PDB file of N, CA and C in Angstrom:
ATOM      1  N   GLU A   1      -9.689   1.530 -13.440  1.00  0.00           N
ATOM      2  CA  GLU A   1      -8.268   1.820 -13.560  1.00  0.00           C
ATOM      3  C   GLU A   1      -7.622   1.986 -12.188  1.00  0.00           C
ATOM      4  N   PHE A   2      -8.290   2.669 -11.257  1.00  0.00           N
ATOM      5  CA  PHE A   2      -7.722   2.860  -9.917  1.00  0.00           C
ATOM      6  C   PHE A   2      -7.508   1.522  -9.241  1.00  0.00           C
ATOM      7  N   SER A   3      -8.488   0.624  -9.316  1.00  0.00           N
ATOM      8  CA  SER A   3      -8.362  -0.690  -8.683  1.00  0.00           C
ATOM      9  C   SER A   3      -7.244  -1.495  -9.312  1.00  0.00           C
ATOM     10  N   ALA A   4      -7.129  -1.444 -10.624  1.00  0.00           N
ATOM     11  CA  ALA A   4      -6.063  -2.175 -11.311  1.00  0.00           C
ATOM     12  C   ALA A   4      -4.693  -1.618 -10.922  1.00  0.00           C
ATOM     13  N   ALA A   5      -4.588  -0.308 -10.844  1.00  0.00           N
ATOM     14  CA  ALA A   5      -3.320   0.311 -10.459  1.00  0.00           C
ATOM     15  C   ALA A   5      -2.967  -0.043  -9.019  1.00  0.00           C
ATOM     16  N   GLN A   6      -3.959  -0.066  -8.150  1.00  0.00           N
ATOM     17  CA  GLN A   6      -3.717  -0.420  -6.755  1.00  0.00           C
ATOM     18  C   GLN A   6      -3.270  -1.878  -6.648  1.00  0.00           C
ATOM     19  N   ALA A   7      -3.877  -2.756  -7.410  1.00  0.00           N
ATOM     20  CA  ALA A   7      -3.482  -4.167  -7.412  1.00  0.00           C
ATOM     21  C   ALA A   7      -2.042  -4.317  -7.904  1.00  0.00           C
ATOM     22  N   ARG A   8      -1.664  -3.551  -8.917  1.00  0.00           N
ATOM     23  CA  ARG A   8      -0.281  -3.606  -9.411  1.00  0.00           C
ATOM     24  C   ARG A   8       0.697  -3.114  -8.351  1.00  0.00           C
ATOM     25  N   ARG A   9       0.324  -2.081  -7.596  1.00  0.00           N
ATOM     26  CA  ARG A   9       1.206  -1.588  -6.533  1.00  0.00           C
ATOM     27  C   ARG A   9       1.358  -2.632  -5.430  1.00  0.00           C
ATOM     28  N   HIS A  10       0.276  -3.331  -5.085  1.00  0.00           N
ATOM     29  CA  HIS A  10       0.375  -4.421  -4.103  1.00  0.00           C
ATOM     30  C   HIS A  10       1.315  -5.502  -4.622  1.00  0.00           C
ATOM     31  N   ARG A  11       1.170  -5.860  -5.891  1.00  0.00           N
ATOM     32  CA  ARG A  11       2.039  -6.868  -6.499  1.00  0.00           C
ATOM     33  C   ARG A  11       3.494  -6.429  -6.423  1.00  0.00           C
ATOM     34  N   ASP A  12       3.750  -5.161  -6.720  1.00  0.00           N
ATOM     35  CA  ASP A  12       5.121  -4.648  -6.700  1.00  0.00           C
ATOM     36  C   ASP A  12       5.733  -4.735  -5.304  1.00  0.00           C
ATOM     37  N   ILE A  13       4.932  -4.480  -4.277  1.00  0.00           N
ATOM     38  CA  ILE A  13       5.418  -4.591  -2.898  1.00  0.00           C
ATOM     39  C   ILE A  13       5.767  -6.042  -2.584  1.00  0.00           C
ATOM     40  N   LEU A  14       4.914  -6.967  -3.003  1.00  0.00           N
ATOM     41  CA  LEU A  14       5.199  -8.386  -2.768  1.00  0.00           C
ATOM     42  C   LEU A  14       6.447  -8.834  -3.516  1.00  0.00           C
ATOM     43  N   ILE A  15       6.636  -8.345  -4.722  1.00  0.00           N
ATOM     44  CA  ILE A  15       7.848  -8.677  -5.476  1.00  0.00           C
ATOM     45  C   ILE A  15       9.079  -8.096  -4.769  1.00  0.00           C
ATOM     46  N   ARG A  16       8.958  -6.884  -4.305  1.00  0.00           N
ATOM     47  CA  ARG A  16      10.096  -6.201  -3.677  1.00  0.00           C
ATOM     48  C   ARG A  16      10.485  -6.810  -2.335  1.00  0.00           C
ATOM     49  N   PHE A  17       9.481  -7.097  -1.482  1.00  0.00           N
ATOM     50  CA  PHE A  17       9.760  -7.547  -0.122  1.00  0.00           C
ATOM     51  C   PHE A  17       9.420  -9.019   0.136  1.00  0.00           C
ATOM     52  N   GLY A  18       8.594  -9.601  -0.698  1.00  0.00           N
ATOM     53  CA  GLY A  18       8.173 -10.981  -0.472  1.00  0.00           C
ATOM     54  C   GLY A  18       7.076 -11.106   0.572  1.00  0.00           C
ATOM     55  N   ARG A  19       6.571  -9.996   1.018  1.00  0.00           N
ATOM     56  CA  ARG A  19       5.511  -9.946   2.039  1.00  0.00           C
ATOM     57  C   ARG A  19       5.006  -8.511   2.123  1.00  0.00           C
ATOM     58  N   HIS A  20       3.983  -8.306   2.934  1.00  0.00           N
ATOM     59  CA  HIS A  20       3.451  -6.959   3.161  1.00  0.00           C
ATOM     60  C   HIS A  20       4.114  -6.399   4.424  1.00  0.00           C
ATOM     61  N   PRO A  21       5.047  -5.462   4.289  1.00  0.00           N
ATOM     62  CA  PRO A  21       5.758  -4.935   5.455  1.00  0.00           C
ATOM     63  C   PRO A  21       4.860  -4.318   6.521  1.00  0.00           C
ATOM     64  N   HIS A  22       3.721  -3.749   6.122  1.00  0.00           N
ATOM     65  CA  HIS A  22       2.861  -3.108   7.120  1.00  0.00           C
ATOM     66  C   HIS A  22       2.215  -4.123   8.058  1.00  0.00           C
ATOM     67  N   ARG A  23       2.298  -5.403   7.738  1.00  0.00           N
ATOM     68  CA  ARG A  23       1.732  -6.449   8.599  1.00  0.00           C
ATOM     69  C   ARG A  23       2.746  -7.030   9.584  1.00  0.00           C
ATOM     70  N   ASN A  24       4.003  -6.634   9.479  1.00  0.00           N
ATOM     71  CA  ASN A  24       5.053  -7.237  10.300  1.00  0.00           C
ATOM     72  C   ASN A  24       4.766  -7.153  11.792  1.00  0.00           C
ATOM     73  N   GLN A  25       4.434  -5.992  12.275  1.00  0.00           N
ATOM     74  CA  GLN A  25       4.218  -5.815  13.713  1.00  0.00           C
ATOM     75  C   GLN A  25       3.078  -6.697  14.209  1.00  0.00           C
ATOM     76  N   ALA A  26       1.968  -6.707  13.499  1.00  0.00           N
ATOM     77  CA  ALA A  26       0.810  -7.509  13.914  1.00  0.00           C
ATOM     78  C   ALA A  26       1.121  -9.003  13.907  1.00  0.00           C
ATOM     79  N   LEU A  27       2.027  -9.413  13.026  1.00  0.00           N
ATOM     80  CA  LEU A  27       2.374 -10.831  12.914  1.00  0.00           C
ATOM     81  C   LEU A  27       3.622 -11.198  13.711  1.00  0.00           C
ATOM     82  N   GLY A  28       4.165 -10.242  14.445  1.00  0.00           N
ATOM     83  CA  GLY A  28       5.335 -10.506  15.273  1.00  0.00           C
ATOM     84  C   GLY A  28       6.614 -10.726  14.481  1.00  0.00           C
ATOM     85  N   ARG A  29       6.683 -10.169  13.275  1.00  0.00           N
ATOM     86  CA  ARG A  29       7.874 -10.328  12.443  1.00  0.00           C
ATOM     87  C   ARG A  29       8.799  -9.131  12.610  1.00  0.00           C
ATOM     88  N   GLN A  30      10.072  -9.377  12.468  1.00  0.00           N
ATOM     89  CA  GLN A  30      11.075  -8.319  12.480  1.00  0.00           C
ATOM     90  C   GLN A  30      11.109  -7.670  11.102  1.00  0.00           C
ATOM     91  N   SER A  31      11.094  -6.354  11.054  1.00  0.00           N
ATOM     92  CA  SER A  31      11.191  -5.632   9.786  1.00  0.00           C
ATOM     93  C   SER A  31      12.651  -5.455   9.402  1.00  0.00           C
ATOM     94  N   THR A  32      12.912  -5.528   8.112  1.00  0.00           N
ATOM     95  CA  THR A  32      14.260  -5.265   7.613  1.00  0.00           C
ATOM     96  C   THR A  32      14.472  -3.756   7.549  1.00  0.00           C
ATOM     97  N   PRO A  33      15.723  -3.306   7.478  1.00  0.00           N
ATOM     98  CA  PRO A  33      15.963  -1.864   7.334  1.00  0.00           C
ATOM     99  C   PRO A  33      15.255  -1.281   6.105  1.00  0.00           C
ATOM    100  N   GLU A  34      15.241  -2.018   4.999  1.00  0.00           N
ATOM    101  CA  GLU A  34      14.565  -1.537   3.789  1.00  0.00           C
ATOM    102  C   GLU A  34      13.058  -1.415   4.025  1.00  0.00           C
ATOM    103  N   GLU A  35      12.472  -2.379   4.729  1.00  0.00           N
ATOM    104  CA  GLU A  35      11.037  -2.303   5.035  1.00  0.00           C
ATOM    105  C   GLU A  35      10.741  -1.116   5.937  1.00  0.00           C
ATOM    106  N   LEU A  36      11.589  -0.888   6.927  1.00  0.00           N
ATOM    107  CA  LEU A  36      11.386   0.251   7.825  1.00  0.00           C
ATOM    108  C   LEU A  36      11.453   1.569   7.063  1.00  0.00           C
ATOM    109  N   GLU A  37      12.372   1.655   6.117  1.00  0.00           N
ATOM    110  CA  GLU A  37      12.476   2.860   5.292  1.00  0.00           C
ATOM    111  C   GLU A  37      11.207   3.055   4.463  1.00  0.00           C
ATOM    112  N   TYR A  38      10.718   1.970   3.874  1.00  0.00           N
ATOM    113  CA  TYR A  38       9.477   2.025   3.092  1.00  0.00           C
ATOM    114  C   TYR A  38       8.303   2.464   3.973  1.00  0.00           C
ATOM    115  N   LEU A  39       8.178   1.875   5.153  1.00  0.00           N
ATOM    116  CA  LEU A  39       7.073   2.216   6.054  1.00  0.00           C
ATOM    117  C   LEU A  39       7.153   3.679   6.494  1.00  0.00           C
ATOM    118  N   ALA A  40       8.352   4.158   6.757  1.00  0.00           N
ATOM    119  CA  ALA A  40       8.530   5.548   7.191  1.00  0.00           C
ATOM    120  C   ALA A  40       8.229   6.542   6.075  1.00  0.00           C
ATOM    121  N   SER A  41       8.322   6.098   4.835  1.00  0.00           N
ATOM    122  CA  SER A  41       8.088   7.003   3.704  1.00  0.00           C
ATOM    123  C   SER A  41       6.623   7.411   3.578  1.00  0.00           C
ATOM    124  N   GLY A  42       5.709   6.621   4.165  1.00  0.00           N
ATOM    125  CA  GLY A  42       4.286   6.934   4.082  1.00  0.00           C
ATOM    126  C   GLY A  42       3.658   6.612   2.744  1.00  0.00           C
ATOM    127  N   GLN A  43       4.350   5.872   1.900  1.00  0.00           N
ATOM    128  CA  GLN A  43       3.847   5.551   0.563  1.00  0.00           C
ATOM    129  C   GLN A  43       3.100   4.223   0.526  1.00  0.00           C
ATOM    130  N   LEU A  44       2.462   3.869   1.616  1.00  0.00           N
ATOM    131  CA  LEU A  44       1.725   2.611   1.669  1.00  0.00           C
ATOM    132  C   LEU A  44       0.584   2.625   0.662  1.00  0.00           C
ATOM    133  N   VAL A  45       0.415   1.517  -0.013  1.00  0.00           N
ATOM    134  CA  VAL A  45      -0.592   1.423  -1.080  1.00  0.00           C
ATOM    135  C   VAL A  45      -1.981   1.778  -0.571  1.00  0.00           C
ATOM    136  N   HIS A  46      -2.371   1.242   0.571  1.00  0.00           N
ATOM    137  CA  HIS A  46      -3.731   1.462   1.068  1.00  0.00           C
ATOM    138  C   HIS A  46      -3.937   2.842   1.682  1.00  0.00           C
ATOM    139  N   ARG A  47      -2.899   3.640   1.773  1.00  0.00           N
ATOM    140  CA  ARG A  47      -3.038   5.000   2.311  1.00  0.00           C
ATOM    141  C   ARG A  47      -2.998   6.067   1.235  1.00  0.00           C
ATOM    142  N   ARG A  48      -2.801   5.674   0.013  1.00  0.00           N
ATOM    143  CA  ARG A  48      -2.759   6.649  -1.070  1.00  0.00           C
ATOM    144  C   ARG A  48      -4.164   7.174  -1.340  1.00  0.00           C
ATOM    145  N   SER A  49      -4.228   8.419  -1.710  1.00  0.00           N
ATOM    146  CA  SER A  49      -5.524   9.047  -1.962  1.00  0.00           C
ATOM    147  C   SER A  49      -6.158   8.525  -3.241  1.00  0.00           C
ATOM    148  N   MET A  50      -7.453   8.405  -3.173  1.00  0.00           N
ATOM    149  CA  MET A  50      -8.223   8.032  -4.351  1.00  0.00           C
ATOM    150  C   MET A  50      -8.293   9.242  -5.275  1.00  0.00           C
ATOM    151  N   PRO A  51      -8.224   9.023  -6.578  1.00  0.00           N
ATOM    152  CA  PRO A  51      -8.367  10.151  -7.507  1.00  0.00           C
ATOM    153  C   PRO A  51      -9.664  10.910  -7.238  1.00  0.00           C
ATOM    154  N   SER A  52      -9.619  12.216  -7.372  1.00  0.00           N
ATOM    155  CA  SER A  52     -10.762  13.056  -7.007  1.00  0.00           C
ATOM    156  C   SER A  52     -12.024  12.705  -7.780  1.00  0.00           C
ATOM    157  N   HIS A  53     -11.898  12.328  -9.051  1.00  0.00           N
ATOM    158  CA  HIS A  53     -13.105  12.001  -9.819  1.00  0.00           C
ATOM    159  C   HIS A  53     -13.782  10.737  -9.276  1.00  0.00           C
ATOM    160  N   LEU A  54     -13.007   9.790  -8.756  1.00  0.00           N
ATOM    161  CA  LEU A  54     -13.610   8.592  -8.165  1.00  0.00           C
ATOM    162  C   LEU A  54     -14.209   8.897  -6.797  1.00  0.00           C
ATOM    163  N   SER A  55     -13.511   9.700  -6.034  1.00  0.00           N
ATOM    164  CA  SER A  55     -14.022  10.084  -4.726  1.00  0.00           C
ATOM    165  C   SER A  55     -15.350  10.820  -4.862  1.00  0.00           C
ATOM    166  N   GLN A  56     -15.429  11.720  -5.821  1.00  0.00           N
ATOM    167  CA  GLN A  56     -16.668  12.467  -6.059  1.00  0.00           C
ATOM    168  C   GLN A  56     -17.777  11.520  -6.502  1.00  0.00           C
ATOM    169  N   PHE A  57     -17.458  10.590  -7.398  1.00  0.00           N
ATOM    170  CA  PHE A  57     -18.443   9.628  -7.879  1.00  0.00           C
ATOM    171  C   PHE A  57     -19.005   8.798  -6.722  1.00  0.00           C
ATOM    172  N   LEU A  58     -18.136   8.328  -5.846  1.00  0.00           N
ATOM    173  CA  LEU A  58     -18.585   7.498  -4.726  1.00  0.00           C
ATOM    174  C   LEU A  58     -19.421   8.287  -3.728  1.00  0.00           C
ATOM    175  N   SER A  59     -19.120   9.554  -3.555  1.00  0.00           N
ATOM    176  CA  SER A  59     -19.900  10.360  -2.617  1.00  0.00           C
ATOM    177  C   SER A  59     -21.288  10.682  -3.160  1.00  0.00           C
ATOM    178  N   GLU A  60     -21.453  10.569  -4.473  1.00  0.00           N
ATOM    179  CA  GLU A  60     -22.749  10.850  -5.094  1.00  0.00           C
ATOM    180  C   GLU A  60     -23.646   9.617  -5.137  1.00  0.00           C
ATOM    181  N   THR A  61     -23.092   8.448  -4.910  1.00  0.00           N
ATOM    182  CA  THR A  61     -23.900   7.216  -5.001  1.00  0.00           C
ATOM    183  C   THR A  61     -24.359   6.756  -3.650  1.00  0.00           C
TER     184      THR A  61
END
């Protein structure tokens, strides 16, 4: 479920921006004001915490 939810969040970002805003700097692209607002919010998909039950499971394996 966590992986599926994360994939849906990635899809939503692509639908919203047409690209991954966090890659703009590395690719030499100019960020739009909306992308800058999103990046400043700290709600990046890959930075969200894993649910505690999954984190515990992974630490036990």
